[in-house]
Amino acid sequence: MAENHERRGEYQKAVELNDSALKILGGMRNTLQSKEQKASFMANERYIYEDIISLLENLNEKDITKGYDKLAFQYAEESKSRVLLELLAESAHKTASDVSNKADSEYSVLHDPEPISIDEAKRLCTGRNMTILEYAVGDTSSCLWVINRSGCKLFRLPGRKELQEEIETIRFGLLDPNQGISDFFTRAGVSLYEELISPAEPFLSKKSRLVIIPDGVLNYLPFEVLLTEKWEPAEKGKNPSIPFLIKNYPVSYVQSASVLKKLVFLQDKTKIRVSESRKLLAFGDPLFKDTLNSSQPGYPRLEFSGKEIETIGTFFKPASSSIYLRDRATEKNLKNTGLDNYTNIHFATHGLIDDEEPDRSSLVLADKKDSGEDGYLKASEIFDLNFNADLVVLSACQTGLGKLVRGEGMVGLTRAFMYAGTPSVVVSLWSVSDISTASLMGEFYKNLIKDKLSKTDALRKAQLTMIASEKYAHPFYWAPFILIGDWR
């Protein structure tokens, strides 16, 4: 019925009928038990959200005074990361020691899985320099909400197919540093900047920091590599002069504004403890056993991952680091550690991503005989752990990937660590270089711990250091790692 009214141009009636359909579907969803069933059910019905957002976009273009942009935002938030929101609420309920004594406002923030409004999102913008860019990707057209402390605005963007083609071009150009920066990479980088970022330029200043809320195929894009203007190489293979977006702004990511609200609150609860004493727990350079006598397939040694962790450890106070290398970097040692005592947790190893069954995505640790563990720290097992960390870094291949579920985003290791209790996770978007990653991580922790920069500023400064070097200037080396969650 909604589609029939839409074809006749009766957009308001189409919105009302789509809303009725969503209420019916929501009731059906609430009868499902598992998070997988809930996610897949709404993924199949995501087109209704896309339709209603597109209708409201059309109505907003005709009359910007009626608040259609704010209503569209509410539907976008309602369609995003509902399972993750419920998981975070479930985690908070599970770990609350005495719910009855908590203030009503605290209980509401932790336990309410409902999406937030655009006015609440504006209040998340701490200071005048923070800008949220929230995207909703549709088949025929997409949306961008630019939100900061002083206002918000809705923009129409190209549809899914056009964006996907350009993102695939970008990613193809990123994966072989020996080819340098190609013409097709620069064309796609400029085009995507003009489509995804340029509409927000009137809201930005030289001191702005960007919080990106991607959707759909945008989850595969490191926005840091977009090009702010056309560029021609002065000398083949030289990269420092390339106008990457990261040179202008710090960038972080989050699954939805509603998720950000919860993560900010979680970090605020641990801020005093973090400022008083930082403690590092790190696992790296695991000893992978002979495949004939092990449950693990063959994995090449990550020699520089051990040096990476030893370097990181020098930035923490003596006796504040627990480092497990080689045959000690086991799953058993991890599980037998008091995980909630550490503010920073770092894994430097192989990542194994299962995009069909994301709960089987794993970090590969040492496979010690008779340990009772198989050496794979699976997402399903991480859900059962209890972290109290300010930051978890997954310095491994493709740890930011997983199963892309429409509406839920990327399902994998990131949400498992967030459920287990950390508000911020650094992950990678492709297979990374062992030696360059060690350099990047050393710079990152120096900026974070020694220079006391925010997580986003620390990562950005490390990436700019890599760009300025001749050896690791190509984005293959510095762009795979992104920060998801609370940027502070």
Protein backbone atom coordinates (compact mmCIF):
# COMPACT_ATOMS: atom_id res chain seq x y z
CA MET A 1 0.00 0.00 0.00
CA ALA A 2 2.84 2.37 0.84
CA GLU A 3 4.51 1.70 -2.50
CA ASN A 4 1.22 2.41 -4.31
CA HIS A 5 0.88 5.81 -2.61
CA GLU A 6 4.55 6.56 -3.32
CA ARG A 7 4.05 5.94 -7.05
CA ARG A 8 1.19 8.44 -6.99
CA GLY A 9 3.41 11.02 -5.27
CA GLU A 10 1.48 10.84 -2.00
CA TYR A 11 4.61 10.72 0.11
CA GLN A 12 3.08 11.61 3.47
CA LYS A 13 0.59 8.73 3.24
CA ALA A 14 3.37 6.39 2.11
CA VAL A 15 5.42 7.37 5.16
CA GLU A 16 2.51 6.61 7.49
CA LEU A 17 1.91 3.17 5.96
CA ASN A 18 5.60 2.27 6.01
CA ASP A 19 5.69 3.27 9.67
CA SER A 20 2.75 0.95 10.36
CA ALA A 21 4.57 -1.86 8.56
CA LEU A 22 7.69 -1.27 10.67
CA LYS A 23 5.68 -1.48 13.89
CA ILE A 24 4.26 -4.84 12.79
CA LEU A 25 7.74 -6.10 11.87
CA GLY A 26 9.13 -4.84 15.17
CA GLY A 27 6.57 -6.90 17.05
CA MET A 28 7.51 -9.98 15.03
CA ARG A 29 11.21 -9.34 15.66
CA ASN A 30 10.63 -9.22 19.42
CA THR A 31 9.40 -12.83 19.36
CA LEU A 32 12.80 -14.02 18.08
CA GLN A 33 15.35 -15.28 20.59
CA SER A 34 18.89 -15.18 19.18
CA LYS A 35 20.81 -12.10 18.07
CA GLU A 36 21.51 -13.81 14.73
CA GLN A 37 17.78 -14.31 14.07
CA LYS A 38 16.99 -10.72 15.01
CA ALA A 39 19.75 -9.32 12.80
CA SER A 40 18.89 -11.41 9.74
CA PHE A 41 15.15 -10.79 10.12
CA MET A 42 15.51 -7.01 10.02
CA ALA A 43 18.21 -7.19 7.33
CA ASN A 44 15.64 -8.81 5.05
CA GLU A 45 13.18 -5.98 5.79
CA ARG A 46 15.75 -3.16 5.57
CA TYR A 47 14.28 -1.94 2.27
CA ILE A 48 11.32 -0.49 4.20
CA TYR A 49 13.67 1.74 6.20
CA GLU A 50 15.40 2.74 2.98
CA ASP A 51 12.05 3.61 1.41
CA ILE A 52 10.79 5.68 4.34
CA ILE A 53 14.10 7.58 4.61
CA SER A 54 14.01 8.31 0.87
CA LEU A 55 10.39 9.52 1.14
CA LEU A 56 11.27 11.84 4.01
CA GLU A 57 14.25 13.09 2.03
CA ASN A 58 11.89 14.03 -0.81
CA LEU A 59 9.51 15.76 1.61
CA ASN A 60 12.40 17.63 3.23
CA GLU A 61 13.54 18.98 -0.14
CA LYS A 62 10.06 20.39 -0.69
CA ASP A 63 9.77 21.92 2.79
CA ILE A 64 12.76 22.14 5.13
CA THR A 65 10.69 23.64 7.96
CA LYS A 66 8.64 20.54 8.84
CA GLY A 67 11.43 18.51 10.52
CA TYR A 68 11.43 15.69 7.97
CA ASP A 69 15.24 15.56 8.23
CA LYS A 70 15.04 14.86 11.97
CA LEU A 71 12.38 12.20 11.46
CA ALA A 72 14.48 10.54 8.75
CA PHE A 73 17.42 10.49 11.18
CA GLN A 74 15.31 8.68 13.76
CA TYR A 75 14.43 5.98 11.24
CA ALA A 76 18.10 5.70 10.22
CA GLU A 77 19.12 5.23 13.86
CA GLU A 78 16.30 2.76 14.40
CA SER A 79 17.55 0.71 11.45
CA LYS A 80 21.18 0.63 12.63
CA SER A 81 22.91 -1.67 15.09
CA ARG A 82 19.76 -2.60 16.99
CA VAL A 83 21.27 -5.93 18.01
CA LEU A 84 24.48 -4.23 19.18
CA LEU A 85 22.45 -1.71 21.20
CA GLU A 86 20.57 -4.54 22.86
CA LEU A 87 23.83 -6.39 23.50
CA LEU A 88 25.35 -3.34 25.18
CA ALA A 89 22.23 -2.96 27.33
CA GLU A 90 22.40 -6.67 28.19
CA SER A 91 26.09 -6.37 29.07
CA ALA A 92 25.41 -3.39 31.34
CA HIS A 93 22.61 -5.26 33.07
CA LYS A 94 24.82 -8.31 33.56
CA THR A 95 27.71 -6.36 35.09
CA ALA A 96 25.71 -3.89 37.22
CA SER A 97 26.38 -4.81 40.84
CA ASP A 98 23.40 -2.98 42.32
CA VAL A 99 20.96 -1.62 39.77
CA SER A 100 18.49 -0.49 42.40
CA ASN A 101 20.95 2.06 43.80
CA LYS A 102 21.87 3.60 40.48
CA ALA A 103 20.57 7.03 39.52
CA ASP A 104 17.64 6.94 37.10
CA SER A 105 19.64 8.79 34.44
CA GLU A 106 22.53 6.31 34.67
CA TYR A 107 20.19 3.35 34.51
CA SER A 108 18.49 4.82 31.45
CA VAL A 109 21.75 5.42 29.56
CA LEU A 110 23.08 1.94 30.27
CA HIS A 111 19.95 -0.16 29.92
CA ASP A 112 17.71 1.59 27.39
CA PRO A 113 18.29 0.07 23.92
CA GLU A 114 16.16 2.67 22.14
CA PRO A 115 17.69 4.86 19.36
CA ILE A 116 18.41 8.49 20.16
CA SER A 117 17.05 11.62 18.46
CA ILE A 118 19.02 14.10 16.39
CA ASP A 119 18.91 16.60 19.27
CA GLU A 120 20.53 14.00 21.54
CA ALA A 121 23.14 13.38 18.84
CA LYS A 122 23.93 17.11 18.81
CA ARG A 123 24.61 16.94 22.55
CA LEU A 124 27.17 14.19 21.91
CA CYS A 125 29.27 16.73 19.99
CA THR A 126 31.57 17.81 22.79
CA GLY A 127 32.86 21.27 21.89
CA ARG A 128 32.33 23.16 18.67
CA ASN A 129 34.95 21.20 16.71
CA MET A 130 33.33 17.76 16.76
CA THR A 131 31.16 16.90 13.76
CA ILE A 132 29.19 13.69 13.25
CA LEU A 133 28.74 12.48 9.68
CA GLU A 134 26.04 9.81 9.63
CA TYR A 135 25.30 7.94 6.40
CA ALA A 136 22.37 5.82 5.24
CA VAL A 137 22.98 3.98 1.96
CA GLY A 138 20.02 3.14 -0.28
CA ASP A 139 19.58 1.49 -3.65
CA THR A 140 18.62 4.62 -5.60
CA SER A 141 19.97 7.34 -3.32
CA SER A 142 21.75 7.72 -0.01
CA CYS A 143 21.69 10.26 2.81
CA LEU A 144 24.20 12.19 4.88
CA TRP A 145 23.33 13.96 8.12
CA VAL A 146 25.94 16.52 9.17
CA ILE A 147 25.56 17.13 12.91
CA ASN A 148 27.47 19.41 15.25
CA ARG A 149 26.78 21.39 18.39
CA SER A 150 25.14 24.25 16.53
CA GLY A 151 22.97 22.47 14.00
CA CYS A 152 22.30 19.66 11.54
CA LYS A 153 21.53 19.27 7.86
CA LEU A 154 20.45 16.45 5.55
CA PHE A 155 22.04 15.91 2.13
CA ARG A 156 21.17 13.54 -0.74
CA LEU A 157 24.00 11.29 -2.00
CA PRO A 158 24.42 8.71 -4.80
CA GLY A 159 22.97 5.24 -4.44
CA ARG A 160 24.62 1.99 -3.39
CA LYS A 161 25.88 0.78 -6.77
CA GLU A 162 27.75 3.98 -7.64
CA LEU A 163 29.38 4.19 -4.20
CA GLN A 164 30.32 0.51 -4.23
CA GLU A 165 32.10 0.76 -7.57
CA GLU A 166 34.22 3.66 -6.36
CA ILE A 167 35.00 2.00 -3.02
CA GLU A 168 36.09 -1.19 -4.75
CA THR A 169 38.38 0.94 -6.93
CA ILE A 170 39.87 2.59 -3.84
CA ARG A 171 40.46 -0.72 -2.07
CA PHE A 172 42.02 -2.29 -5.16
CA GLY A 173 44.44 0.63 -5.38
CA LEU A 174 45.35 0.32 -1.69
CA LEU A 175 46.46 -3.28 -1.62
CA ASP A 176 49.69 -3.17 -3.67
CA PRO A 177 52.16 -0.52 -2.47
CA ASN A 178 54.61 -1.51 -5.20
CA GLN A 179 52.26 0.01 -7.78
CA GLY A 180 52.34 3.45 -6.15
CA ILE A 181 49.32 5.75 -6.29
CA SER A 182 47.46 5.05 -9.53
CA ASP A 183 45.35 7.39 -11.61
CA PHE A 184 42.20 5.34 -10.97
CA PHE A 185 42.85 5.55 -7.22
CA THR A 186 43.16 9.35 -7.31
CA ARG A 187 40.05 9.74 -9.46
CA ALA A 188 37.99 7.57 -7.10
CA GLY A 189 39.51 9.29 -4.05
CA VAL A 190 38.55 12.74 -5.31
CA SER A 191 35.08 11.62 -6.45
CA LEU A 192 34.25 9.97 -3.13
CA TYR A 193 35.45 13.03 -1.22
CA GLU A 194 33.18 15.26 -3.30
CA GLU A 195 30.23 12.92 -2.74
CA LEU A 196 30.73 11.97 0.91
CA ILE A 197 32.57 14.89 2.56
CA SER A 198 32.19 18.04 0.44
CA PRO A 199 28.55 18.64 1.49
CA ALA A 200 29.78 18.94 5.09
CA GLU A 201 32.52 21.50 4.34
CA PRO A 202 30.43 24.55 5.41
CA PHE A 203 30.14 22.91 8.87
CA LEU A 204 33.87 22.23 9.22
CA SER A 205 36.83 24.28 10.42
CA LYS A 206 40.57 23.65 10.48
CA LYS A 207 40.18 22.23 14.00
CA SER A 208 37.26 19.90 13.26
CA ARG A 209 37.33 16.23 14.19
CA LEU A 210 35.11 13.82 12.29
CA VAL A 211 33.07 10.98 13.74
CA ILE A 212 31.99 8.79 10.84
CA ILE A 213 28.88 6.60 11.13
CA PRO A 214 29.08 4.45 7.99
CA ASP A 215 26.39 2.29 6.47
CA GLY A 216 26.52 -0.72 4.19
CA VAL A 217 29.43 -0.73 1.77
CA LEU A 218 30.90 2.38 3.45
CA ASN A 219 32.09 0.05 6.24
CA TYR A 220 34.87 -1.08 3.88
CA LEU A 221 36.16 2.45 3.23
CA PRO A 222 38.93 4.12 5.27
CA PHE A 223 37.75 7.72 4.85
CA GLU A 224 41.27 8.90 5.78
CA VAL A 225 42.50 8.10 2.24
CA LEU A 226 39.97 10.28 0.41
CA LEU A 227 41.58 13.10 -1.54
CA THR A 228 40.49 16.64 -0.74
CA GLU A 229 41.51 17.94 -4.17
CA LYS A 230 42.79 16.75 -7.53
CA TRP A 231 46.41 15.65 -7.43
CA GLU A 232 49.09 14.86 -9.98
CA PRO A 233 52.31 13.22 -8.79
CA ALA A 234 55.37 15.42 -9.17
CA GLU A 235 57.48 12.29 -9.13
CA LYS A 236 56.27 8.75 -9.64
CA GLY A 237 55.91 6.86 -6.36
CA LYS A 238 56.32 9.89 -4.08
CA ASN A 239 53.37 10.18 -1.71
CA PRO A 240 53.95 12.83 1.00
CA SER A 241 52.33 15.63 -1.02
CA ILE A 242 49.06 13.74 -1.62
CA PRO A 243 46.10 15.65 -0.09
CA PHE A 244 44.69 12.81 2.01
CA LEU A 245 41.71 13.66 4.24
CA ILE A 246 43.69 12.57 7.32
CA LYS A 247 45.98 15.60 6.82
CA ASN A 248 43.01 17.88 7.54
CA TYR A 249 41.06 16.08 10.25
CA PRO A 250 41.25 13.36 12.91
CA VAL A 251 38.78 10.60 12.01
CA SER A 252 37.04 7.95 14.10
CA TYR A 253 34.13 5.60 13.48
CA VAL A 254 31.13 4.24 15.35
CA GLN A 255 28.20 1.97 14.45
CA SER A 256 25.47 4.52 15.27
CA ALA A 257 24.94 7.68 17.28
CA SER A 258 22.94 5.63 19.79
CA VAL A 259 25.87 3.26 20.25
CA LEU A 260 28.23 6.24 20.65
CA LYS A 261 26.09 7.61 23.48
CA LYS A 262 26.44 4.35 25.41
CA LEU A 263 30.17 4.01 24.73
CA VAL A 264 30.86 7.60 25.84
CA PHE A 265 29.01 6.90 29.07
CA LEU A 266 30.95 3.66 29.65
CA GLN A 267 34.28 5.44 29.21
CA ASP A 268 33.26 8.30 31.49
CA LYS A 269 32.76 5.74 34.25
CA THR A 270 36.43 4.64 33.98
CA LYS A 271 38.02 8.00 33.21
CA ILE A 272 39.36 8.58 36.75
CA ARG A 273 40.86 5.10 36.94
CA VAL A 274 42.51 5.49 33.55
CA SER A 275 44.03 8.86 34.41
CA GLU A 276 45.48 7.51 37.66
CA SER A 277 47.23 4.43 36.33
CA ARG A 278 47.48 2.85 32.91
CA LYS A 279 48.25 -0.86 32.75
CA LEU A 280 49.09 -2.85 29.62
CA LEU A 281 48.20 -6.46 28.83
CA ALA A 282 49.75 -7.59 25.55
CA PHE A 283 50.00 -10.83 23.54
CA GLY A 284 52.30 -11.12 20.54
CA ASP A 285 54.55 -13.22 18.31
CA PRO A 286 52.72 -16.43 19.28
CA LEU A 287 54.53 -19.73 18.80
CA PHE A 288 52.56 -21.65 16.20
CA LYS A 289 53.17 -25.38 16.52
CA ASP A 290 53.94 -27.91 13.81
CA THR A 291 50.70 -28.46 11.91
CA LEU A 292 51.12 -32.25 12.15
CA ASN A 293 50.78 -32.06 15.94
CA SER A 294 48.43 -29.11 16.24
CA SER A 295 44.81 -28.19 15.73
CA GLN A 296 45.97 -25.06 13.91
CA PRO A 297 46.84 -24.79 10.21
CA GLY A 298 50.24 -23.33 9.36
CA TYR A 299 50.73 -19.65 10.18
CA PRO A 300 53.90 -17.72 9.35
CA ARG A 301 55.73 -16.25 12.32
CA LEU A 302 55.12 -12.54 12.94
CA GLU A 303 58.65 -11.74 14.07
CA PHE A 304 58.14 -8.00 14.36
CA SER A 305 55.00 -8.39 16.48
CA GLY A 306 57.17 -9.27 19.47
CA LYS A 307 59.32 -6.18 18.94
CA GLU A 308 56.11 -4.18 18.52
CA ILE A 309 54.90 -5.21 21.97
CA GLU A 310 58.28 -4.70 23.64
CA THR A 311 58.36 -1.15 22.24
CA ILE A 312 54.83 -0.48 23.43
CA GLY A 313 55.73 -1.72 26.91
CA THR A 314 58.42 0.97 27.29
CA PHE A 315 55.73 3.69 27.36
CA PHE A 316 54.11 2.27 30.50
CA LYS A 317 55.43 2.54 34.03
CA PRO A 318 57.67 -0.27 35.30
CA ALA A 319 55.65 -3.21 36.62
CA SER A 320 52.55 -1.90 34.82
CA SER A 321 52.91 -4.20 31.82
CA SER A 322 52.04 -7.89 31.49
CA ILE A 323 53.54 -9.12 28.23
CA TYR A 324 53.09 -12.62 26.84
CA LEU A 325 55.31 -13.62 23.90
CA ARG A 326 56.00 -16.80 21.91
CA ASP A 327 54.92 -19.93 23.85
CA ARG A 328 53.44 -17.80 26.65
CA ALA A 329 51.04 -15.98 24.29
CA THR A 330 48.36 -18.58 24.88
CA GLU A 331 44.61 -18.50 25.09
CA LYS A 332 44.83 -20.11 28.53
CA ASN A 333 47.10 -17.35 29.88
CA LEU A 334 44.64 -14.75 28.58
CA LYS A 335 41.66 -16.38 30.23
CA ASN A 336 43.52 -16.88 33.51
CA THR A 337 44.46 -13.18 33.69
CA GLY A 338 42.44 -10.63 35.63
CA LEU A 339 41.36 -8.86 32.45
CA ASP A 340 39.40 -6.16 34.25
CA ASN A 341 42.64 -4.86 35.85
CA TYR A 342 44.06 -3.52 32.57
CA THR A 343 43.33 -0.21 30.85
CA ASN A 344 45.07 -1.10 27.57
CA ILE A 345 44.92 -4.52 25.91
CA HIS A 346 46.94 -5.25 22.78
CA PHE A 347 46.98 -8.28 20.47
CA ALA A 348 49.72 -8.58 17.82
CA THR A 349 49.01 -11.81 15.98
CA HIS A 350 47.09 -13.30 13.08
CA GLY A 351 43.39 -12.60 12.67
CA LEU A 352 41.04 -15.20 11.24
CA ILE A 353 37.80 -13.70 9.91
CA ASP A 354 34.74 -15.83 9.17
CA ASP A 355 32.29 -13.76 7.12
CA GLU A 356 29.70 -16.55 7.13
CA GLU A 357 29.70 -17.31 10.87
CA PRO A 358 31.11 -14.15 12.49
CA ASP A 359 31.08 -15.64 16.01
CA ARG A 360 33.87 -17.92 14.79
CA SER A 361 36.11 -15.00 13.81
CA SER A 362 39.24 -15.34 15.94
CA LEU A 363 42.56 -14.03 17.13
CA VAL A 364 45.15 -16.78 16.73
CA LEU A 365 47.24 -17.41 19.85
CA ALA A 366 49.90 -19.99 20.73
CA ASP A 367 48.56 -23.54 20.64
CA LYS A 368 50.06 -25.12 23.75
CA LYS A 369 49.59 -28.85 24.13
CA ASP A 370 47.33 -30.00 26.97
CA SER A 371 46.20 -26.43 27.71
CA GLY A 372 42.56 -27.31 27.22
CA GLU A 373 42.29 -24.54 24.58
CA ASP A 374 42.58 -24.68 20.79
CA GLY A 375 44.56 -21.44 20.35
CA TYR A 376 41.70 -19.56 18.69
CA LEU A 377 40.21 -16.74 20.76
CA LYS A 378 36.83 -16.68 19.05
CA ALA A 379 34.33 -13.84 19.06
CA SER A 380 31.88 -16.18 20.78
CA GLU A 381 34.40 -16.64 23.63
CA ILE A 382 35.17 -12.91 23.87
CA PHE A 383 31.48 -12.30 24.60
CA ASP A 384 31.97 -14.30 27.81
CA LEU A 385 35.01 -12.29 29.00
CA ASN A 386 34.94 -9.25 31.23
CA PHE A 387 37.10 -6.30 30.16
CA ASN A 388 37.36 -2.96 31.88
CA ALA A 389 39.77 -1.52 29.35
CA ASP A 390 39.83 1.98 27.96
CA LEU A 391 41.17 0.64 24.65
CA VAL A 392 41.69 -2.71 22.91
CA VAL A 393 44.01 -2.81 19.88
CA LEU A 394 43.72 -5.72 17.43
CA SER A 395 47.02 -5.45 15.57
CA ALA A 396 46.24 -8.23 13.13
CA CYS A 397 44.91 -8.74 9.61
CA GLN A 398 41.33 -7.74 8.72
CA THR A 399 40.13 -7.54 12.33
CA GLY A 400 37.67 -4.78 11.41
CA LEU A 401 35.92 -7.04 8.90
CA GLY A 402 33.38 -9.80 9.35
CA LYS A 403 29.89 -10.40 8.08
CA LEU A 404 28.29 -7.27 6.65
CA VAL A 405 24.63 -7.36 7.72
CA ARG A 406 22.33 -4.70 6.28
CA GLY A 407 21.34 -2.45 9.13
CA GLU A 408 23.73 -4.03 11.64
CA GLY A 409 26.96 -3.14 9.85
CA MET A 410 30.06 -5.28 10.31
CA VAL A 411 29.47 -8.20 12.67
CA GLY A 412 32.65 -9.72 14.08
CA LEU A 413 35.38 -9.12 16.64
CA THR A 414 34.70 -5.42 17.26
CA ARG A 415 31.24 -5.86 18.73
CA ALA A 416 32.43 -8.82 20.81
CA PHE A 417 35.03 -6.63 22.55
CA MET A 418 32.51 -3.82 23.01
CA TYR A 419 30.07 -6.23 24.62
CA ALA A 420 32.88 -7.49 26.87
CA GLY A 421 33.41 -3.97 28.20
CA THR A 422 35.65 -1.71 26.11
CA PRO A 423 34.41 1.58 24.57
CA SER A 424 37.14 1.83 21.91
CA VAL A 425 38.73 -0.73 19.57
CA VAL A 426 41.48 -0.24 16.96
CA VAL A 427 41.04 -2.70 14.08
CA SER A 428 42.31 -3.26 10.53
CA LEU A 429 40.46 -3.28 7.21
CA TRP A 430 42.87 -5.48 5.24
CA SER A 431 45.89 -7.77 5.58
CA VAL A 432 48.70 -5.71 7.06
CA SER A 433 52.48 -5.70 6.91
CA ASP A 434 54.18 -7.06 10.03
CA ILE A 435 57.14 -4.67 9.97
CA SER A 436 55.25 -1.47 9.09
CA THR A 437 52.54 -2.22 11.65
CA ALA A 438 55.21 -2.43 14.36
CA SER A 439 56.36 1.07 13.41
CA LEU A 440 52.82 2.46 13.31
CA MET A 441 51.89 0.96 16.68
CA GLY A 442 55.07 2.24 18.30
CA GLU A 443 54.25 5.77 17.17
CA PHE A 444 50.61 5.39 18.21
CA TYR A 445 51.42 4.39 21.80
CA LYS A 446 54.12 7.03 22.12
CA ASN A 447 51.52 9.65 21.18
CA LEU A 448 48.84 8.09 23.38
CA ILE A 449 50.79 7.31 26.56
CA LYS A 450 53.87 9.53 26.56
CA ASP A 451 52.36 12.62 24.88
CA LYS A 452 48.86 12.00 26.37
CA LEU A 453 46.96 12.69 23.15
CA SER A 454 43.42 11.45 22.61
CA LYS A 455 43.11 8.09 20.87
CA THR A 456 42.08 9.68 17.58
CA ASP A 457 44.81 12.32 17.66
CA ALA A 458 47.40 9.71 18.63
CA LEU A 459 46.45 7.48 15.68
CA ARG A 460 46.32 10.41 13.26
CA LYS A 461 49.76 11.67 14.32
CA ALA A 462 51.19 8.16 13.87
CA GLN A 463 49.66 7.94 10.39
CA LEU A 464 51.05 11.36 9.43
CA THR A 465 54.50 10.22 10.59
CA MET A 466 54.22 7.20 8.29
CA ILE A 467 53.09 9.40 5.38
CA ALA A 468 56.07 11.68 5.91
CA SER A 469 58.47 8.74 5.65
CA GLU A 470 59.58 7.51 2.27
CA LYS A 471 59.38 3.84 3.18
CA TYR A 472 55.80 3.67 4.51
CA ALA A 473 54.11 6.62 2.80
CA HIS A 474 51.77 4.45 0.74
CA PRO A 475 48.32 4.13 2.40
CA PHE A 476 48.64 0.34 2.31
CA TYR A 477 50.91 0.69 5.35
CA TRP A 478 49.16 3.38 7.44
CA ALA A 479 45.48 3.40 6.41
CA PRO A 480 44.24 -0.10 7.37
CA PHE A 481 43.92 0.74 11.07
CA ILE A 482 40.86 2.68 12.22
CA LEU A 483 39.47 3.58 15.64
CA ILE A 484 35.90 2.44 16.34
CA GLY A 485 34.05 3.76 19.37
CA ASP A 486 34.80 6.58 21.78
CA TRP A 487 37.49 8.76 20.18
CA ARG A 488 38.68 10.53 23.35
